[in-house]
PDB file of N, CA and C in Angstrom:
ATOM      1  N   MET A   1       4.196   0.304 -31.333  1.00  0.00           N
ATOM      2  CA  MET A   1       4.920   0.537 -30.103  1.00  0.00           C
ATOM      3  C   MET A   1       4.004   1.227 -29.096  1.00  0.00           C
ATOM      4  N   ILE A   2       4.154   0.855 -27.829  1.00  0.00           N
ATOM      5  CA  ILE A   2       3.339   1.428 -26.773  1.00  0.00           C
ATOM      6  C   ILE A   2       3.909   2.785 -26.385  1.00  0.00           C
ATOM      7  N   GLU A   3       3.035   3.778 -26.337  1.00  0.00           N
ATOM      8  CA  GLU A   3       3.469   5.095 -25.891  1.00  0.00           C
ATOM      9  C   GLU A   3       3.340   5.168 -24.376  1.00  0.00           C
ATOM     10  N   ARG A   4       4.369   5.659 -23.733  1.00  0.00           N
ATOM     11  CA  ARG A   4       4.364   5.799 -22.282  1.00  0.00           C
ATOM     12  C   ARG A   4       4.299   7.272 -21.919  1.00  0.00           C
ATOM     13  N   ASP A   5       3.669   7.545 -20.799  1.00  0.00           N
ATOM     14  CA  ASP A   5       3.646   8.928 -20.354  1.00  0.00           C
ATOM     15  C   ASP A   5       4.956   9.255 -19.627  1.00  0.00           C
ATOM     16  N   ASN A   6       5.140  10.519 -19.337  1.00  0.00           N
ATOM     17  CA  ASN A   6       6.380  10.968 -18.709  1.00  0.00           C
ATOM     18  C   ASN A   6       6.607  10.354 -17.338  1.00  0.00           C
ATOM     19  N   SER A   7       5.544  10.086 -16.602  1.00  0.00           N
ATOM     20  CA  SER A   7       5.716   9.521 -15.264  1.00  0.00           C
ATOM     21  C   SER A   7       6.373   8.145 -15.335  1.00  0.00           C
ATOM     22  N   HIS A   8       6.048   7.369 -16.362  1.00  0.00           N
ATOM     23  CA  HIS A   8       6.670   6.053 -16.523  1.00  0.00           C
ATOM     24  C   HIS A   8       8.163   6.211 -16.822  1.00  0.00           C
ATOM     25  N   ILE A   9       8.479   7.098 -17.727  1.00  0.00           N
ATOM     26  CA  ILE A   9       9.876   7.329 -18.094  1.00  0.00           C
ATOM     27  C   ILE A   9      10.656   7.818 -16.872  1.00  0.00           C
ATOM     28  N   GLU A  10      10.049   8.700 -16.094  1.00  0.00           N
ATOM     29  CA  GLU A  10      10.711   9.206 -14.889  1.00  0.00           C
ATOM     30  C   GLU A  10      10.964   8.078 -13.885  1.00  0.00           C
ATOM     31  N   GLN A  11      10.001   7.183 -13.737  1.00  0.00           N
ATOM     32  CA  GLN A  11      10.169   6.053 -12.816  1.00  0.00           C
ATOM     33  C   GLN A  11      11.301   5.152 -13.282  1.00  0.00           C
ATOM     34  N   VAL A  12      11.389   4.874 -14.570  1.00  0.00           N
ATOM     35  CA  VAL A  12      12.471   4.050 -15.111  1.00  0.00           C
ATOM     36  C   VAL A  12      13.817   4.730 -14.862  1.00  0.00           C
ATOM     37  N   GLU A  13      13.874   6.018 -15.075  1.00  0.00           N
ATOM     38  CA  GLU A  13      15.121   6.755 -14.839  1.00  0.00           C
ATOM     39  C   GLU A  13      15.505   6.742 -13.360  1.00  0.00           C
ATOM     40  N   ARG A  14      14.517   6.885 -12.455  1.00  0.00           N
ATOM     41  CA  ARG A  14      14.806   6.822 -11.018  1.00  0.00           C
ATOM     42  C   ARG A  14      15.341   5.447 -10.632  1.00  0.00           C
ATOM     43  N   TRP A  15      14.742   4.393 -11.193  1.00  0.00           N
ATOM     44  CA  TRP A  15      15.202   3.037 -10.884  1.00  0.00           C
ATOM     45  C   TRP A  15      16.618   2.819 -11.419  1.00  0.00           C
ATOM     46  N   ALA A  16      16.900   3.283 -12.614  1.00  0.00           N
ATOM     47  CA  ALA A  16      18.245   3.146 -13.191  1.00  0.00           C
ATOM     48  C   ALA A  16      19.270   3.867 -12.307  1.00  0.00           C
ATOM     49  N   LYS A  17      18.913   5.058 -11.825  1.00  0.00           N
ATOM     50  CA  LYS A  17      19.822   5.800 -10.941  1.00  0.00           C
ATOM     51  C   LYS A  17      20.018   5.049  -9.633  1.00  0.00           C
ATOM     52  N   TYR A  18      18.951   4.486  -9.089  1.00  0.00           N
ATOM     53  CA  TYR A  18      19.050   3.721  -7.844  1.00  0.00           C
ATOM     54  C   TYR A  18      19.979   2.519  -8.020  1.00  0.00           C
ATOM     55  N   VAL A  19      19.814   1.792  -9.113  1.00  0.00           N
ATOM     56  CA  VAL A  19      20.664   0.632  -9.391  1.00  0.00           C
ATOM     57  C   VAL A  19      22.122   1.069  -9.517  1.00  0.00           C
ATOM     58  N   ARG A  20      22.341   2.152 -10.221  1.00  0.00           N
ATOM     59  CA  ARG A  20      23.701   2.658 -10.429  1.00  0.00           C
ATOM     60  C   ARG A  20      24.330   3.101  -9.097  1.00  0.00           C
ATOM     61  N   ASP A  21      23.549   3.755  -8.246  1.00  0.00           N
ATOM     62  CA  ASP A  21      24.062   4.286  -6.983  1.00  0.00           C
ATOM     63  C   ASP A  21      24.123   3.248  -5.860  1.00  0.00           C
ATOM     64  N   ASN A  22      23.437   2.135  -6.010  1.00  0.00           N
ATOM     65  CA  ASN A  22      23.376   1.098  -4.971  1.00  0.00           C
ATOM     66  C   ASN A  22      23.673  -0.276  -5.567  1.00  0.00           C
ATOM     67  N   PRO A  23      24.892  -0.494  -6.047  1.00  0.00           N
ATOM     68  CA  PRO A  23      25.198  -1.724  -6.785  1.00  0.00           C
ATOM     69  C   PRO A  23      25.053  -3.006  -5.963  1.00  0.00           C
ATOM     70  N   PHE A  24      25.090  -2.908  -4.627  1.00  0.00           N
ATOM     71  CA  PHE A  24      25.034  -4.117  -3.812  1.00  0.00           C
ATOM     72  C   PHE A  24      23.692  -4.331  -3.125  1.00  0.00           C
ATOM     73  N   SER A  25      22.854  -3.317  -3.068  1.00  0.00           N
ATOM     74  CA  SER A  25      21.597  -3.479  -2.337  1.00  0.00           C
ATOM     75  C   SER A  25      20.359  -3.515  -3.233  1.00  0.00           C
ATOM     76  N   TRP A  26      20.462  -3.123  -4.499  1.00  0.00           N
ATOM     77  CA  TRP A  26      19.268  -3.057  -5.339  1.00  0.00           C
ATOM     78  C   TRP A  26      18.690  -4.431  -5.608  1.00  0.00           C
ATOM     79  N   LYS A  27      19.531  -5.463  -5.646  1.00  0.00           N
ATOM     80  CA  LYS A  27      19.014  -6.805  -5.944  1.00  0.00           C
ATOM     81  C   LYS A  27      18.066  -7.289  -4.858  1.00  0.00           C
ATOM     82  N   LYS A  28      18.391  -6.980  -3.594  1.00  0.00           N
ATOM     83  CA  LYS A  28      17.509  -7.384  -2.511  1.00  0.00           C
ATOM     84  C   LYS A  28      16.160  -6.680  -2.636  1.00  0.00           C
ATOM     85  N   GLN A  29      16.180  -5.371  -2.906  1.00  0.00           N
ATOM     86  CA  GLN A  29      14.939  -4.623  -3.089  1.00  0.00           C
ATOM     87  C   GLN A  29      14.116  -5.189  -4.238  1.00  0.00           C
ATOM     88  N   HIS A  30      14.789  -5.510  -5.324  1.00  0.00           N
ATOM     89  CA  HIS A  30      14.101  -6.056  -6.489  1.00  0.00           C
ATOM     90  C   HIS A  30      13.497  -7.419  -6.166  1.00  0.00           C
ATOM     91  N   SER A  31      14.263  -8.264  -5.466  1.00  0.00           N
ATOM     92  CA  SER A  31      13.763  -9.583  -5.088  1.00  0.00           C
ATOM     93  C   SER A  31      12.548  -9.479  -4.180  1.00  0.00           C
ATOM     94  N   LEU A  32      12.593  -8.554  -3.217  1.00  0.00           N
ATOM     95  CA  LEU A  32      11.441  -8.365  -2.331  1.00  0.00           C
ATOM     96  C   LEU A  32      10.202  -7.950  -3.121  1.00  0.00           C
ATOM     97  N   PHE A  33      10.389  -7.064  -4.091  1.00  0.00           N
ATOM     98  CA  PHE A  33       9.275  -6.610  -4.920  1.00  0.00           C
ATOM     99  C   PHE A  33       8.692  -7.769  -5.739  1.00  0.00           C
ATOM    100  N   ILE A  34       9.555  -8.527  -6.400  1.00  0.00           N
ATOM    101  CA  ILE A  34       9.088  -9.651  -7.224  1.00  0.00           C
ATOM    102  C   ILE A  34       8.389 -10.691  -6.352  1.00  0.00           C
ATOM    103  N   ASP A  35       8.973 -11.007  -5.202  1.00  0.00           N
ATOM    104  CA  ASP A  35       8.359 -11.980  -4.291  1.00  0.00           C
ATOM    105  C   ASP A  35       6.970 -11.515  -3.849  1.00  0.00           C
ATOM    106  N   SER A  36       6.833 -10.230  -3.544  1.00  0.00           N
ATOM    107  CA  SER A  36       5.528  -9.733  -3.111  1.00  0.00           C
ATOM    108  C   SER A  36       4.504  -9.812  -4.239  1.00  0.00           C
ATOM    109  N   GLN A  37       4.942  -9.542  -5.463  1.00  0.00           N
ATOM    110  CA  GLN A  37       4.029  -9.645  -6.609  1.00  0.00           C
ATOM    111  C   GLN A  37       3.554 -11.084  -6.795  1.00  0.00           C
ATOM    112  N   LEU A  38       4.475 -12.037  -6.670  1.00  0.00           N
ATOM    113  CA  LEU A  38       4.109 -13.454  -6.797  1.00  0.00           C
ATOM    114  C   LEU A  38       3.165 -13.877  -5.670  1.00  0.00           C
ATOM    115  N   ASN A  39       3.457 -13.442  -4.455  1.00  0.00           N
ATOM    116  CA  ASN A  39       2.589 -13.785  -3.325  1.00  0.00           C
ATOM    117  C   ASN A  39       1.185 -13.223  -3.506  1.00  0.00           C
ATOM    118  N   MET A  40       1.083 -12.002  -4.016  1.00  0.00           N
ATOM    119  CA  MET A  40      -0.239 -11.414  -4.258  1.00  0.00           C
ATOM    120  C   MET A  40      -0.996 -12.201  -5.327  1.00  0.00           C
ATOM    121  N   ALA A  41      -0.299 -12.622  -6.376  1.00  0.00           N
ATOM    122  CA  ALA A  41      -0.942 -13.401  -7.431  1.00  0.00           C
ATOM    123  C   ALA A  41      -1.410 -14.753  -6.896  1.00  0.00           C
ATOM    124  N   LEU A  42      -0.559 -15.418  -6.129  1.00  0.00           N
ATOM    125  CA  LEU A  42      -0.940 -16.716  -5.558  1.00  0.00           C
ATOM    126  C   LEU A  42      -2.129 -16.574  -4.620  1.00  0.00           C
ATOM    127  N   SER A  43      -2.138 -15.518  -3.836  1.00  0.00           N
ATOM    128  CA  SER A  43      -3.256 -15.266  -2.925  1.00  0.00           C
ATOM    129  C   SER A  43      -4.551 -15.040  -3.712  1.00  0.00           C
ATOM    130  N   PHE A  44      -4.451 -14.284  -4.795  1.00  0.00           N
ATOM    131  CA  PHE A  44      -5.619 -14.031  -5.632  1.00  0.00           C
ATOM    132  C   PHE A  44      -6.158 -15.334  -6.219  1.00  0.00           C
ATOM    133  N   PHE A  45      -5.270 -16.159  -6.765  1.00  0.00           N
ATOM    134  CA  PHE A  45      -5.720 -17.414  -7.369  1.00  0.00           C
ATOM    135  C   PHE A  45      -6.283 -18.366  -6.318  1.00  0.00           C
ATOM    136  N   GLU A  46      -5.744 -18.318  -5.122  1.00  0.00           N
ATOM    137  CA  GLU A  46      -6.289 -19.146  -4.050  1.00  0.00           C
ATOM    138  C   GLU A  46      -7.712 -18.712  -3.709  1.00  0.00           C
ATOM    139  N   ARG A  47      -7.922 -17.391  -3.578  1.00  0.00           N
ATOM    140  CA  ARG A  47      -9.276 -16.885  -3.308  1.00  0.00           C
ATOM    141  C   ARG A  47     -10.214 -17.183  -4.474  1.00  0.00           C
ATOM    142  N   LEU A  48      -9.705 -17.064  -5.683  1.00  0.00           N
ATOM    143  CA  LEU A  48     -10.514 -17.330  -6.869  1.00  0.00           C
ATOM    144  C   LEU A  48     -10.982 -18.781  -6.897  1.00  0.00           C
ATOM    145  N   SER A  49     -10.110 -19.685  -6.484  1.00  0.00           N
ATOM    146  CA  SER A  49     -10.444 -21.112  -6.556  1.00  0.00           C
ATOM    147  C   SER A  49     -11.396 -21.568  -5.461  1.00  0.00           C
ATOM    148  N   GLN A  50     -11.793 -20.676  -4.564  1.00  0.00           N
ATOM    149  CA  GLN A  50     -12.691 -21.053  -3.477  1.00  0.00           C
ATOM    150  C   GLN A  50     -14.161 -21.056  -3.888  1.00  0.00           C
ATOM    151  N   THR A  51     -14.467 -20.579  -5.093  1.00  0.00           N
ATOM    152  CA  THR A  51     -15.849 -20.607  -5.572  1.00  0.00           C
ATOM    153  C   THR A  51     -15.913 -21.405  -6.873  1.00  0.00           C
ATOM    154  N   GLU A  52     -17.061 -21.901  -7.164  1.00  0.00           N
ATOM    155  CA  GLU A  52     -17.249 -22.680  -8.397  1.00  0.00           C
ATOM    156  C   GLU A  52     -16.969 -21.826  -9.629  1.00  0.00           C
ATOM    157  N   GLU A  53     -17.532 -20.617  -9.647  1.00  0.00           N
ATOM    158  CA  GLU A  53     -17.303 -19.714 -10.778  1.00  0.00           C
ATOM    159  C   GLU A  53     -15.817 -19.370 -10.893  1.00  0.00           C
ATOM    160  N   GLY A  54     -15.177 -19.161  -9.757  1.00  0.00           N
ATOM    161  CA  GLY A  54     -13.751 -18.852  -9.756  1.00  0.00           C
ATOM    162  C   GLY A  54     -12.919 -19.997 -10.314  1.00  0.00           C
ATOM    163  N   ARG A  55     -13.287 -21.223  -9.977  1.00  0.00           N
ATOM    164  CA  ARG A  55     -12.563 -22.384 -10.510  1.00  0.00           C
ATOM    165  C   ARG A  55     -12.717 -22.477 -12.019  1.00  0.00           C
ATOM    166  N   LYS A  56     -13.901 -22.121 -12.521  1.00  0.00           N
ATOM    167  CA  LYS A  56     -14.113 -22.127 -13.971  1.00  0.00           C
ATOM    168  C   LYS A  56     -13.226 -21.080 -14.651  1.00  0.00           C
ATOM    169  N   VAL A  57     -13.193 -19.881 -14.071  1.00  0.00           N
ATOM    170  CA  VAL A  57     -12.363 -18.805 -14.620  1.00  0.00           C
ATOM    171  C   VAL A  57     -10.894 -19.207 -14.583  1.00  0.00           C
ATOM    172  N   PHE A  58     -10.464 -19.759 -13.450  1.00  0.00           N
ATOM    173  CA  PHE A  58      -9.081 -20.178 -13.305  1.00  0.00           C
ATOM    174  C   PHE A  58      -8.727 -21.254 -14.327  1.00  0.00           C
ATOM    175  N   SER A  59      -9.642 -22.190 -14.537  1.00  0.00           N
ATOM    176  CA  SER A  59      -9.416 -23.247 -15.517  1.00  0.00           C
ATOM    177  C   SER A  59      -9.259 -22.671 -16.922  1.00  0.00           C
ATOM    178  N   LYS A  60     -10.110 -21.706 -17.269  1.00  0.00           N
ATOM    179  CA  LYS A  60     -10.008 -21.064 -18.582  1.00  0.00           C
ATOM    180  C   LYS A  60      -8.683 -20.329 -18.735  1.00  0.00           C
ATOM    181  N   LEU A  61      -8.264 -19.655 -17.666  1.00  0.00           N
ATOM    182  CA  LEU A  61      -6.993 -18.937 -17.708  1.00  0.00           C
ATOM    183  C   LEU A  61      -5.827 -19.897 -17.919  1.00  0.00           C
ATOM    184  N   MET A  62      -5.859 -21.021 -17.240  1.00  0.00           N
ATOM    185  CA  MET A  62      -4.758 -21.953 -17.357  1.00  0.00           C
ATOM    186  C   MET A  62      -4.713 -22.622 -18.727  1.00  0.00           C
ATOM    187  N   LYS A  63      -5.869 -22.756 -19.375  1.00  0.00           N
ATOM    188  CA  LYS A  63      -5.917 -23.381 -20.700  1.00  0.00           C
ATOM    189  C   LYS A  63      -5.627 -22.385 -21.821  1.00  0.00           C
ATOM    190  N   ALA A  64      -5.815 -21.108 -21.534  1.00  0.00           N
ATOM    191  CA  ALA A  64      -5.617 -20.075 -22.553  1.00  0.00           C
ATOM    192  C   ALA A  64      -4.146 -19.990 -22.935  1.00  0.00           C
ATOM    193  N   LYS A  65      -3.923 -19.797 -24.200  1.00  0.00           N
ATOM    194  CA  LYS A  65      -2.554 -19.602 -24.667  1.00  0.00           C
ATOM    195  C   LYS A  65      -2.372 -18.114 -24.842  1.00  0.00           C
ATOM    196  N   ILE A  66      -1.742 -17.506 -23.870  1.00  0.00           N
ATOM    197  CA  ILE A  66      -1.544 -16.061 -23.884  1.00  0.00           C
ATOM    198  C   ILE A  66      -0.190 -15.771 -24.533  1.00  0.00           C
ATOM    199  N   ARG A  67      -0.223 -14.942 -25.537  1.00  0.00           N
ATOM    200  CA  ARG A  67       0.991 -14.587 -26.264  1.00  0.00           C
ATOM    201  C   ARG A  67       1.493 -13.250 -25.752  1.00  0.00           C
ATOM    202  N   CYS A  68       2.689 -13.241 -25.225  1.00  0.00           N
ATOM    203  CA  CYS A  68       3.286 -12.013 -24.751  1.00  0.00           C
ATOM    204  C   CYS A  68       4.107 -11.386 -25.863  1.00  0.00           C
ATOM    205  N   VAL A  69       3.882 -10.115 -26.074  1.00  0.00           N
ATOM    206  CA  VAL A  69       4.619  -9.397 -27.112  1.00  0.00           C
ATOM    207  C   VAL A  69       5.522  -8.378 -26.464  1.00  0.00           C
TER     208      VAL A  69
END
């Protein structure tokens, strides 16, 4: 099991309180956050694919079978 520091636990507790206190607005905030994360990843992969070495790395990443635990 991964050990987390107190700051992580505090952040999770703050988010849980926010969700509990804002039942109608937290989904929009969460969606904005997820969308921004996806946009940053797409931007990174676009920049990566602009070089030959980057295309090789990207190709390896796409072929890799990454197991999430």
